[in-house]
Amino acid sequence: MYGEFSLYGVFIPTLVGLMLLAYLLHNGVRLVLLRTQVYRYVWHPPLFDLALYVLVLGALFALVRTWAA
């Protein structure tokens, strides 16, 4: 995996791109969970959202790492 990529001459860390993609995917998963009313069974929704974001980011990182190897 590359450490950074160039966007019009500005070097941006790969992790920033993965964080943005994870945020977008997290919002999609969150909307699905809201519509299916899963949040009724969640004790602390902000903590659940943080954990869900970390899981999505970790999955993306693992996917990119195995894809680049």
PDB file of N, CA and C in Angstrom:
ATOM      1  N   MET A   1       0.839  -1.167   0.000  1.00  0.00           N
ATOM      2  CA  MET A   1       0.000   0.000   0.000  1.00  0.00           C
ATOM      3  C   MET A   1       0.886   1.233   0.000  1.00  0.00           C
ATOM      4  N   TYR A   2       0.521   2.194  -0.808  1.00  0.00           N
ATOM      5  CA  TYR A   2       1.280   3.420  -0.888  1.00  0.00           C
ATOM      6  C   TYR A   2       1.006   4.288   0.325  1.00  0.00           C
ATOM      7  N   GLY A   3       2.007   5.057   0.753  1.00  0.00           N
ATOM      8  CA  GLY A   3       1.852   5.921   1.911  1.00  0.00           C
ATOM      9  C   GLY A   3       0.999   7.133   1.623  1.00  0.00           C
ATOM     10  N   GLU A   4       1.098   7.651   0.401  1.00  0.00           N
ATOM     11  CA  GLU A   4       0.287   8.813   0.036  1.00  0.00           C
ATOM     12  C   GLU A   4       0.073   8.828  -1.466  1.00  0.00           C
ATOM     13  N   PHE A   5      -0.878   9.634  -1.891  1.00  0.00           N
ATOM     14  CA  PHE A   5      -1.109   9.805  -3.318  1.00  0.00           C
ATOM     15  C   PHE A   5      -1.141  11.295  -3.617  1.00  0.00           C
ATOM     16  N   SER A   6      -0.865  11.632  -4.851  1.00  0.00           N
ATOM     17  CA  SER A   6      -0.774  13.032  -5.253  1.00  0.00           C
ATOM     18  C   SER A   6      -2.086  13.481  -5.867  1.00  0.00           C
ATOM     19  N   LEU A   7      -2.624  14.564  -5.357  1.00  0.00           N
ATOM     20  CA  LEU A   7      -3.849  15.161  -5.862  1.00  0.00           C
ATOM     21  C   LEU A   7      -3.509  16.580  -6.304  1.00  0.00           C
ATOM     22  N   TYR A   8      -3.244  16.732  -7.594  1.00  0.00           N
ATOM     23  CA  TYR A   8      -2.842  18.015  -8.177  1.00  0.00           C
ATOM     24  C   TYR A   8      -1.597  18.580  -7.488  1.00  0.00           C
ATOM     25  N   GLY A   9      -0.653  17.718  -7.198  1.00  0.00           N
ATOM     26  CA  GLY A   9       0.606  18.141  -6.610  1.00  0.00           C
ATOM     27  C   GLY A   9       0.602  18.182  -5.097  1.00  0.00           C
ATOM     28  N   VAL A  10      -0.510  17.928  -4.463  1.00  0.00           N
ATOM     29  CA  VAL A  10      -0.595  17.904  -3.004  1.00  0.00           C
ATOM     30  C   VAL A  10      -0.624  16.449  -2.562  1.00  0.00           C
ATOM     31  N   PHE A  11       0.317  16.076  -1.723  1.00  0.00           N
ATOM     32  CA  PHE A  11       0.386  14.700  -1.253  1.00  0.00           C
ATOM     33  C   PHE A  11      -0.593  14.504  -0.098  1.00  0.00           C
ATOM     34  N   ILE A  12      -1.495  13.543  -0.269  1.00  0.00           N
ATOM     35  CA  ILE A  12      -2.519  13.248   0.722  1.00  0.00           C
ATOM     36  C   ILE A  12      -2.303  11.824   1.208  1.00  0.00           C
ATOM     37  N   PRO A  13      -2.268  11.624   2.535  1.00  0.00           N
ATOM     38  CA  PRO A  13      -2.087  10.265   3.052  1.00  0.00           C
ATOM     39  C   PRO A  13      -3.233   9.344   2.630  1.00  0.00           C
ATOM     40  N   THR A  14      -2.901   8.096   2.376  1.00  0.00           N
ATOM     41  CA  THR A  14      -3.904   7.122   1.966  1.00  0.00           C
ATOM     42  C   THR A  14      -4.956   6.938   3.053  1.00  0.00           C
ATOM     43  N   LEU A  15      -4.541   7.048   4.298  1.00  0.00           N
ATOM     44  CA  LEU A  15      -5.474   6.876   5.403  1.00  0.00           C
ATOM     45  C   LEU A  15      -6.580   7.922   5.385  1.00  0.00           C
ATOM     46  N   VAL A  16      -6.288   9.131   4.931  1.00  0.00           N
ATOM     47  CA  VAL A  16      -7.320  10.175   4.851  1.00  0.00           C
ATOM     48  C   VAL A  16      -8.392   9.776   3.831  1.00  0.00           C
ATOM     49  N   GLY A  17      -7.972   9.242   2.715  1.00  0.00           N
ATOM     50  CA  GLY A  17      -8.928   8.770   1.717  1.00  0.00           C
ATOM     51  C   GLY A  17      -9.766   7.614   2.242  1.00  0.00           C
ATOM     52  N   LEU A  18      -9.120   6.694   2.968  1.00  0.00           N
ATOM     53  CA  LEU A  18      -9.857   5.575   3.555  1.00  0.00           C
ATOM     54  C   LEU A  18     -10.827   6.058   4.624  1.00  0.00           C
ATOM     55  N   MET A  19     -10.432   7.072   5.387  1.00  0.00           N
ATOM     56  CA  MET A  19     -11.323   7.611   6.417  1.00  0.00           C
ATOM     57  C   MET A  19     -12.548   8.259   5.788  1.00  0.00           C
ATOM     58  N   LEU A  20     -12.365   8.960   4.696  1.00  0.00           N
ATOM     59  CA  LEU A  20     -13.500   9.576   4.007  1.00  0.00           C
ATOM     60  C   LEU A  20     -14.438   8.514   3.438  1.00  0.00           C
ATOM     61  N   LEU A  21     -13.878   7.495   2.817  1.00  0.00           N
ATOM     62  CA  LEU A  21     -14.691   6.407   2.278  1.00  0.00           C
ATOM     63  C   LEU A  21     -15.410   5.653   3.400  1.00  0.00           C
ATOM     64  N   ALA A  22     -14.721   5.432   4.518  1.00  0.00           N
ATOM     65  CA  ALA A  22     -15.341   4.755   5.658  1.00  0.00           C
ATOM     66  C   ALA A  22     -16.469   5.600   6.225  1.00  0.00           C
ATOM     67  N   TYR A  23     -16.322   6.906   6.234  1.00  0.00           N
ATOM     68  CA  TYR A  23     -17.383   7.786   6.724  1.00  0.00           C
ATOM     69  C   TYR A  23     -18.629   7.676   5.840  1.00  0.00           C
ATOM     70  N   LEU A  24     -18.425   7.651   4.544  1.00  0.00           N
ATOM     71  CA  LEU A  24     -19.558   7.532   3.634  1.00  0.00           C
ATOM     72  C   LEU A  24     -20.245   6.173   3.762  1.00  0.00           C
ATOM     73  N   LEU A  25     -19.460   5.119   3.855  1.00  0.00           N
ATOM     74  CA  LEU A  25     -20.039   3.786   4.038  1.00  0.00           C
ATOM     75  C   LEU A  25     -20.738   3.663   5.392  1.00  0.00           C
ATOM     76  N   HIS A  26     -20.140   4.269   6.409  1.00  0.00           N
ATOM     77  CA  HIS A  26     -20.738   4.245   7.743  1.00  0.00           C
ATOM     78  C   HIS A  26     -22.099   4.932   7.739  1.00  0.00           C
ATOM     79  N   ASN A  27     -22.212   6.051   7.041  1.00  0.00           N
ATOM     80  CA  ASN A  27     -23.500   6.738   6.963  1.00  0.00           C
ATOM     81  C   ASN A  27     -24.547   5.887   6.252  1.00  0.00           C
ATOM     82  N   GLY A  28     -24.142   5.169   5.228  1.00  0.00           N
ATOM     83  CA  GLY A  28     -25.070   4.282   4.539  1.00  0.00           C
ATOM     84  C   GLY A  28     -25.553   3.150   5.429  1.00  0.00           C
ATOM     85  N   VAL A  29     -24.620   2.524   6.142  1.00  0.00           N
ATOM     86  CA  VAL A  29     -24.987   1.440   7.053  1.00  0.00           C
ATOM     87  C   VAL A  29     -25.855   1.981   8.190  1.00  0.00           C
ATOM     88  N   ARG A  30     -25.534   3.169   8.665  1.00  0.00           N
ATOM     89  CA  ARG A  30     -26.304   3.782   9.748  1.00  0.00           C
ATOM     90  C   ARG A  30     -27.743   4.051   9.323  1.00  0.00           C
ATOM     91  N   LEU A  31     -27.924   4.530   8.094  1.00  0.00           N
ATOM     92  CA  LEU A  31     -29.282   4.764   7.599  1.00  0.00           C
ATOM     93  C   LEU A  31     -30.084   3.470   7.511  1.00  0.00           C
ATOM     94  N   VAL A  32     -29.436   2.408   7.059  1.00  0.00           N
ATOM     95  CA  VAL A  32     -30.119   1.111   6.989  1.00  0.00           C
ATOM     96  C   VAL A  32     -30.503   0.650   8.392  1.00  0.00           C
ATOM     97  N   LEU A  33     -29.601   0.813   9.360  1.00  0.00           N
ATOM     98  CA  LEU A  33     -29.903   0.411  10.732  1.00  0.00           C
ATOM     99  C   LEU A  33     -30.996   1.272  11.347  1.00  0.00           C
ATOM    100  N   LEU A  34     -31.035   2.554  10.996  1.00  0.00           N
ATOM    101  CA  LEU A  34     -32.102   3.425  11.497  1.00  0.00           C
ATOM    102  C   LEU A  34     -33.457   3.021  10.927  1.00  0.00           C
ATOM    103  N   ARG A  35     -33.502   2.697   9.657  1.00  0.00           N
ATOM    104  CA  ARG A  35     -34.771   2.330   9.018  1.00  0.00           C
ATOM    105  C   ARG A  35     -35.288   0.981   9.486  1.00  0.00           C
ATOM    106  N   THR A  36     -34.379   0.093   9.846  1.00  0.00           N
ATOM    107  CA  THR A  36     -34.806  -1.206  10.347  1.00  0.00           C
ATOM    108  C   THR A  36     -34.996  -1.197  11.864  1.00  0.00           C
ATOM    109  N   GLN A  37     -34.828  -0.050  12.484  1.00  0.00           N
ATOM    110  CA  GLN A  37     -35.038   0.181  13.917  1.00  0.00           C
ATOM    111  C   GLN A  37     -34.151  -0.695  14.808  1.00  0.00           C
ATOM    112  N   VAL A  38     -32.936  -0.920  14.378  1.00  0.00           N
ATOM    113  CA  VAL A  38     -31.977  -1.667  15.191  1.00  0.00           C
ATOM    114  C   VAL A  38     -31.541  -0.824  16.382  1.00  0.00           C
ATOM    115  N   TYR A  39     -31.573   0.483  16.251  1.00  0.00           N
ATOM    116  CA  TYR A  39     -31.118   1.374  17.312  1.00  0.00           C
ATOM    117  C   TYR A  39     -32.011   1.311  18.552  1.00  0.00           C
ATOM    118  N   ARG A  40     -33.172   0.693  18.466  1.00  0.00           N
ATOM    119  CA  ARG A  40     -34.010   0.510  19.658  1.00  0.00           C
ATOM    120  C   ARG A  40     -33.347  -0.441  20.643  1.00  0.00           C
ATOM    121  N   TYR A  41     -32.491  -1.332  20.151  1.00  0.00           N
ATOM    122  CA  TYR A  41     -31.834  -2.328  20.998  1.00  0.00           C
ATOM    123  C   TYR A  41     -30.407  -1.932  21.378  1.00  0.00           C
ATOM    124  N   VAL A  42     -29.973  -0.747  20.973  1.00  0.00           N
ATOM    125  CA  VAL A  42     -28.616  -0.286  21.255  1.00  0.00           C
ATOM    126  C   VAL A  42     -28.648   0.577  22.515  1.00  0.00           C
ATOM    127  N   TRP A  43     -27.772   0.265  23.465  1.00  0.00           N
ATOM    128  CA  TRP A  43     -27.765   0.970  24.729  1.00  0.00           C
ATOM    129  C   TRP A  43     -27.246   2.405  24.585  1.00  0.00           C
ATOM    130  N   HIS A  44     -26.154   2.585  23.844  1.00  0.00           N
ATOM    131  CA  HIS A  44     -25.515   3.898  23.718  1.00  0.00           C
ATOM    132  C   HIS A  44     -25.244   4.165  22.237  1.00  0.00           C
ATOM    133  N   PRO A  45     -26.180   4.795  21.516  1.00  0.00           N
ATOM    134  CA  PRO A  45     -26.021   4.970  20.063  1.00  0.00           C
ATOM    135  C   PRO A  45     -24.737   5.688  19.616  1.00  0.00           C
ATOM    136  N   PRO A  46     -24.281   6.776  20.274  1.00  0.00           N
ATOM    137  CA  PRO A  46     -23.022   7.385  19.803  1.00  0.00           C
ATOM    138  C   PRO A  46     -21.821   6.448  19.919  1.00  0.00           C
ATOM    139  N   LEU A  47     -21.770   5.673  20.980  1.00  0.00           N
ATOM    140  CA  LEU A  47     -20.673   4.723  21.138  1.00  0.00           C
ATOM    141  C   LEU A  47     -20.767   3.612  20.093  1.00  0.00           C
ATOM    142  N   PHE A  48     -21.982   3.175  19.812  1.00  0.00           N
ATOM    143  CA  PHE A  48     -22.205   2.179  18.770  1.00  0.00           C
ATOM    144  C   PHE A  48     -21.780   2.721  17.409  1.00  0.00           C
ATOM    145  N   ASP A  49     -22.101   3.989  17.125  1.00  0.00           N
ATOM    146  CA  ASP A  49     -21.707   4.608  15.858  1.00  0.00           C
ATOM    147  C   ASP A  49     -20.191   4.687  15.725  1.00  0.00           C
ATOM    148  N   LEU A  50     -19.511   5.046  16.813  1.00  0.00           N
ATOM    149  CA  LEU A  50     -18.050   5.103  16.785  1.00  0.00           C
ATOM    150  C   LEU A  50     -17.455   3.722  16.519  1.00  0.00           C
ATOM    151  N   ALA A  51     -17.971   2.718  17.196  1.00  0.00           N
ATOM    152  CA  ALA A  51     -17.467   1.354  16.997  1.00  0.00           C
ATOM    153  C   ALA A  51     -17.731   0.874  15.575  1.00  0.00           C
ATOM    154  N   LEU A  52     -18.906   1.214  15.051  1.00  0.00           N
ATOM    155  CA  LEU A  52     -19.233   0.831  13.678  1.00  0.00           C
ATOM    156  C   LEU A  52     -18.288   1.506  12.683  1.00  0.00           C
ATOM    157  N   TYR A  53     -17.974   2.779  12.914  1.00  0.00           N
ATOM    158  CA  TYR A  53     -17.043   3.490  12.041  1.00  0.00           C
ATOM    159  C   TYR A  53     -15.653   2.857  12.094  1.00  0.00           C
ATOM    160  N   VAL A  54     -15.205   2.524  13.281  1.00  0.00           N
ATOM    161  CA  VAL A  54     -13.872   1.904  13.416  1.00  0.00           C
ATOM    162  C   VAL A  54     -13.836   0.547  12.723  1.00  0.00           C
ATOM    163  N   LEU A  55     -14.921  -0.216  12.828  1.00  0.00           N
ATOM    164  CA  LEU A  55     -14.975  -1.513  12.142  1.00  0.00           C
ATOM    165  C   LEU A  55     -14.954  -1.354  10.622  1.00  0.00           C
ATOM    166  N   VAL A  56     -15.692  -0.380  10.109  1.00  0.00           N
ATOM    167  CA  VAL A  56     -15.710  -0.151   8.659  1.00  0.00           C
ATOM    168  C   VAL A  56     -14.333   0.308   8.186  1.00  0.00           C
ATOM    169  N   LEU A  57     -13.706   1.209   8.946  1.00  0.00           N
ATOM    170  CA  LEU A  57     -12.373   1.690   8.577  1.00  0.00           C
ATOM    171  C   LEU A  57     -11.354   0.558   8.620  1.00  0.00           C
ATOM    172  N   GLY A  58     -11.420  -0.284   9.633  1.00  0.00           N
ATOM    173  CA  GLY A  58     -10.510  -1.432   9.721  1.00  0.00           C
ATOM    174  C   GLY A  58     -10.708  -2.410   8.577  1.00  0.00           C
ATOM    175  N   ALA A  59     -11.962  -2.639   8.211  1.00  0.00           N
ATOM    176  CA  ALA A  59     -12.238  -3.543   7.096  1.00  0.00           C
ATOM    177  C   ALA A  59     -11.707  -2.973   5.782  1.00  0.00           C
ATOM    178  N   LEU A  60     -11.895  -1.679   5.575  1.00  0.00           N
ATOM    179  CA  LEU A  60     -11.360  -1.050   4.362  1.00  0.00           C
ATOM    180  C   LEU A  60      -9.835  -1.112   4.330  1.00  0.00           C
ATOM    181  N   PHE A  61      -9.211  -0.851   5.472  1.00  0.00           N
ATOM    182  CA  PHE A  61      -7.752  -0.897   5.541  1.00  0.00           C
ATOM    183  C   PHE A  61      -7.240  -2.304   5.228  1.00  0.00           C
ATOM    184  N   ALA A  62      -7.883  -3.319   5.792  1.00  0.00           N
ATOM    185  CA  ALA A  62      -7.475  -4.702   5.527  1.00  0.00           C
ATOM    186  C   ALA A  62      -7.698  -5.060   4.063  1.00  0.00           C
ATOM    187  N   LEU A  63      -8.814  -4.597   3.502  1.00  0.00           N
ATOM    188  CA  LEU A  63      -9.098  -4.875   2.101  1.00  0.00           C
ATOM    189  C   LEU A  63      -8.069  -4.235   1.176  1.00  0.00           C
ATOM    190  N   VAL A  64      -7.720  -2.999   1.439  1.00  0.00           N
ATOM    191  CA  VAL A  64      -6.729  -2.312   0.609  1.00  0.00           C
ATOM    192  C   VAL A  64      -5.355  -2.936   0.782  1.00  0.00           C
ATOM    193  N   ARG A  65      -5.044  -3.327   2.003  1.00  0.00           N
ATOM    194  CA  ARG A  65      -3.726  -3.926   2.256  1.00  0.00           C
ATOM    195  C   ARG A  65      -3.571  -5.272   1.541  1.00  0.00           C
ATOM    196  N   THR A  66      -4.613  -6.095   1.537  1.00  0.00           N
ATOM    197  CA  THR A  66      -4.506  -7.371   0.832  1.00  0.00           C
ATOM    198  C   THR A  66      -4.570  -7.170  -0.675  1.00  0.00           C
ATOM    199  N   TRP A  67      -5.284  -6.164  -1.124  1.00  0.00           N
ATOM    200  CA  TRP A  67      -5.382  -5.886  -2.558  1.00  0.00           C
ATOM    201  C   TRP A  67      -4.053  -5.372  -3.104  1.00  0.00           C
ATOM    202  N   ALA A  68      -3.330  -4.566  -2.317  1.00  0.00           N
ATOM    203  CA  ALA A  68      -2.076  -3.970  -2.794  1.00  0.00           C
ATOM    204  C   ALA A  68      -0.912  -4.942  -2.702  1.00  0.00           C
ATOM    205  N   ALA A  69      -1.037  -5.981  -1.917  1.00  0.00           N
ATOM    206  CA  ALA A  69       0.093  -6.900  -1.727  1.00  0.00           C
ATOM    207  C   ALA A  69       0.250  -7.854  -2.884  1.00  0.00           C
TER     208      ALA A  69
END
